[in-house]
Protein backbone atom coordinates (compact mmCIF):
# COMPACT_ATOMS: atom_id res chain seq x y z
CA MET A 1 109.40 113.76 88.89
CA ALA A 2 112.50 112.83 91.36
CA GLN A 3 114.10 115.70 92.54
CA ARG A 4 117.62 116.85 91.09
CA PRO A 5 120.91 117.46 93.47
CA PHE A 6 121.47 120.88 91.71
CA HIS A 7 119.15 124.37 91.61
CA TRP A 8 119.62 126.78 88.39
CA THR A 9 118.89 130.38 88.68
CA ARG A 10 115.70 131.01 85.53
CA LEU A 11 114.83 134.34 83.92
CA PRO A 12 111.42 136.17 86.05
CA ALA A 13 108.51 134.76 83.33
CA CYS A 14 107.05 138.46 81.12
CA VAL A 15 103.23 137.71 82.79
CA SER A 16 101.88 135.77 85.83
CA LEU A 17 100.87 132.63 85.04
CA LEU A 18 96.96 133.40 84.75
CA GLY A 19 98.01 136.77 81.81
CA ALA A 20 99.22 133.51 80.04
CA LEU A 21 96.13 131.09 80.57
CA LEU A 22 93.50 134.28 80.34
CA LEU A 23 95.31 134.87 76.78
CA LEU A 24 95.68 130.83 75.86
CA GLY A 25 91.72 130.97 76.54
CA SER A 26 91.05 133.67 74.78
CA ALA A 27 88.71 133.15 72.54
CA ALA A 28 89.04 135.13 68.57
CA PRO A 29 86.30 137.86 67.47
CA ALA A 30 82.95 137.94 66.03
CA GLY A 31 84.07 137.12 62.81
CA HIS A 32 88.04 136.21 62.18
CA ASP A 33 89.61 133.51 61.96
CA PRO A 34 91.68 132.21 65.21
CA PRO A 35 95.15 131.99 65.66
CA THR A 36 96.85 130.03 64.05
CA MET A 37 100.05 129.29 66.92
CA ALA A 38 100.59 125.85 68.29
CA PRO A 39 98.64 124.96 71.54
CA ALA A 40 101.60 126.03 74.03
CA GLY A 41 100.76 124.87 77.55
CA VAL A 42 102.53 126.93 80.08
CA GLN A 43 105.06 129.63 78.88
CA ALA A 44 106.88 132.58 79.42
CA THR A 45 106.06 135.61 77.12
CA LEU A 46 104.82 134.44 74.04
CA PRO A 47 103.81 131.74 71.72
CA LEU A 48 104.94 128.53 70.31
CA ALA A 49 104.75 128.44 65.95
CA PRO A 50 103.16 125.60 63.76
CA PHE A 51 105.61 122.42 62.92
CA ALA A 52 104.80 123.68 59.62
CA ALA A 53 105.22 127.32 59.74
CA ILE A 54 109.06 126.96 61.12
CA HIS A 55 109.17 123.97 58.05
CA SER A 56 110.70 126.10 54.64
CA PRO A 57 111.05 124.72 51.40
CA ASN A 58 113.35 127.67 50.20
CA PRO A 59 117.10 125.75 52.06
CA ALA A 60 118.68 129.11 52.16
CA ASP A 61 116.47 130.16 55.08
CA TYR A 62 118.02 127.61 56.83
CA ALA A 63 120.91 129.60 57.07
CA THR A 64 119.96 131.78 60.13
CA TYR A 65 117.96 128.63 62.43
CA GLN A 66 119.49 127.93 65.37
CA LEU A 67 117.75 125.29 67.28
CA LYS A 68 118.39 122.93 71.11
CA PHE A 69 117.96 119.75 72.39
CA THR A 70 117.54 119.73 75.89
CA TYR A 71 117.23 117.06 78.09
CA LEU A 72 114.62 117.33 80.43
CA GLY A 73 114.84 113.87 82.70
CA ASP A 74 115.33 112.90 85.85
CA GLN A 75 119.98 113.20 86.42
CA LYS A 76 122.53 112.60 88.99
CA LYS A 77 124.07 114.53 86.91
CA VAL A 78 124.78 117.51 84.11
CA VAL A 79 123.65 116.56 81.22
CA GLY A 80 124.80 119.54 78.79
CA SER A 81 122.15 120.97 75.99
CA MET A 82 123.19 120.77 72.15
CA ALA A 83 122.98 123.58 70.27
CA GLY A 84 123.47 123.64 66.40
CA VAL A 85 123.33 127.20 63.78
CA GLY A 86 122.97 127.55 60.10
CA ILE A 87 126.19 128.91 58.05
CA GLY A 88 124.75 132.51 58.93
CA ARG A 89 124.85 132.70 63.17
CA PRO A 90 126.21 132.62 66.34
CA PHE A 91 123.90 130.89 68.69
CA ASP A 92 122.11 132.66 71.00
CA ALA A 93 120.61 130.46 73.84
CA THR A 94 118.59 133.43 75.19
CA ALA A 95 116.18 133.94 71.47
CA PHE A 96 115.21 130.39 72.75
CA VAL A 97 113.99 132.26 76.21
CA PRO A 98 110.92 133.86 75.43
CA TYR A 99 109.20 130.95 75.00
CA GLU A 100 109.78 127.90 76.65
CA ARG A 101 107.92 126.69 79.51
CA ASP A 102 106.84 125.57 82.35
CA LEU A 103 109.42 123.12 82.98
CA ASP A 104 112.94 123.08 83.97
CA TYR A 105 115.64 124.01 81.51
CA GLY A 106 118.64 124.77 83.65
CA ASN A 107 121.03 122.02 81.27
CA ASP A 108 121.51 125.23 78.49
CA ASP A 109 123.51 126.53 80.66
CA PHE A 110 125.47 123.94 80.34
CA THR A 111 125.65 124.24 76.80
CA GLY A 112 128.57 122.24 74.47
CA ASP A 113 130.12 123.49 71.28
CA THR A 114 128.03 124.60 68.46
CA LEU A 115 126.62 122.29 65.91
CA VAL A 116 127.29 123.58 62.27
CA VAL A 117 124.48 122.31 59.97
CA PRO A 118 125.09 123.41 56.03
CA PRO A 119 121.11 125.03 55.05
CA VAL A 120 120.39 121.42 53.43
CA ALA A 121 121.20 119.44 55.60
CA PHE A 122 118.85 121.33 57.57
CA LYS A 123 116.39 121.39 55.55
CA ALA A 124 116.92 117.73 55.06
CA PHE A 125 116.82 117.14 58.92
CA LEU A 126 112.94 118.96 58.42
CA ASP A 127 112.01 117.27 56.14
CA ALA A 128 112.53 114.18 57.58
CA VAL A 129 111.07 115.34 61.26
CA ALA A 130 107.71 115.34 59.22
CA ALA A 131 107.68 112.42 57.82
CA TYR A 132 106.45 111.71 61.95
CA PRO A 133 103.16 113.37 62.41
CA ALA A 134 103.94 112.68 66.54
CA LEU A 135 107.02 114.74 65.68
CA MET A 136 105.92 117.50 64.89
CA ASP A 137 103.26 117.77 67.78
CA THR A 138 104.27 121.29 70.55
CA SER A 139 101.55 119.29 73.36
CA PHE A 140 102.46 120.63 76.09
CA VAL A 141 104.20 117.33 78.36
CA ALA A 142 104.49 117.32 82.20
CA GLU A 143 107.13 115.32 82.25
CA PRO A 144 108.59 114.50 79.11
CA ASN A 145 112.25 113.12 78.46
CA ALA A 146 113.24 116.03 76.76
CA SER A 147 113.06 119.82 74.43
CA LEU A 148 113.70 119.64 71.00
CA MET A 149 113.17 123.88 69.85
CA ILE A 150 114.13 125.33 66.86
CA LEU A 151 114.10 129.04 65.75
CA ARG A 152 113.09 130.51 62.40
CA ASP A 153 113.92 134.48 62.02
CA SER A 154 115.01 134.50 58.43
CA GLY A 155 111.20 135.66 57.28
CA PRO A 156 109.42 139.42 58.60
CA LEU A 157 108.51 137.37 61.90
CA THR A 158 110.74 135.59 64.56
CA LEU A 159 109.08 131.84 65.07
CA CYS A 160 109.67 129.05 67.34
CA TRP A 161 108.36 125.50 67.52
CA GLU A 162 109.51 123.20 70.28
CA HIS A 163 108.12 119.67 70.50
CA LEU A 164 108.98 117.75 74.05
CA ALA A 165 109.93 114.00 73.36
CA THR A 166 109.74 110.81 75.31
CA ARG A 167 113.03 108.55 75.45
CA ALA A 168 111.85 107.07 72.16
CA GLU A 169 111.64 110.29 69.88
CA THR A 170 114.78 111.98 71.85
CA ASP A 171 116.26 108.59 70.38
CA LEU A 172 114.77 108.72 66.65
CA LEU A 173 115.21 112.86 66.32
CA PHE A 174 118.77 112.59 67.02
CA GLN A 175 118.54 109.70 65.01
CA LEU A 176 116.84 111.93 62.32
CA LEU A 177 119.42 114.79 61.91
CA ARG A 178 122.77 112.24 62.57
CA ASP A 179 122.00 111.46 59.21
CA GLN A 180 121.97 114.48 57.27
CA ILE A 181 125.19 114.63 58.88
CA ALA A 182 128.34 114.37 56.65
CA ASN A 183 130.99 115.65 58.69
CA PRO A 184 132.31 112.89 60.52
CA ALA A 185 133.41 114.57 63.89
CA ASP A 186 129.99 116.11 63.63
CA THR A 187 128.27 112.86 63.80
CA ALA A 188 130.06 111.44 66.70
CA THR A 189 128.54 114.70 68.45
CA VAL A 190 125.13 114.12 67.66
CA SER A 191 125.99 110.45 68.86
CA SER A 192 126.90 111.70 71.84
CA TYR A 193 124.47 113.50 72.34
CA ARG A 194 121.86 111.24 71.85
CA ARG A 195 123.44 108.41 74.02
CA GLN A 196 123.42 110.91 77.22
CA MET A 197 120.06 111.83 76.37
CA ALA A 198 118.01 109.23 75.09
CA GLY A 199 120.53 106.44 77.26
CA VAL A 200 120.27 108.15 79.60
CA ARG A 201 119.30 106.29 83.51
CA ARG A 202 116.06 107.03 85.43
């Protein structure tokens, strides 16, 4: 991958790479089921949740959800990240940091206006994603085009899911989100980020 012409300071990882690999490779104790968290590649501290864990059937839960799209491909200028929240909370980029993997999320330092996604629309977006098994995958990809992270903290545990998307998947994810947005101004915002992240020439 080409080197970026600018550099951001990242927060230090709370565990070493060796420690993370040992944790991910640990076997479950005898007589116990293995953990249900999704495999996550190299991470800062916390494991990712599988898509099913953040896909709530209850629309009210989505009032406190957060999402962010981060461009991770080659670039010659800043491609600001897109933030989205339910109607019941402000956006908090730091909440995602413990779940970020060994990739450059530096564009998050340039997150633009936050998109407010009503709970019904938020749920409809996840329902749409669930129709594409490949989009629910949490596997680590060494050179993805973009990251979509969704944080759920409406239950007893805070859970975070991430999909590392190809360029075609990035385009599809933005299309699925735009289809759920009723406000024309918000639709235009999603379309603008879609052009930046799925239409950037490499």
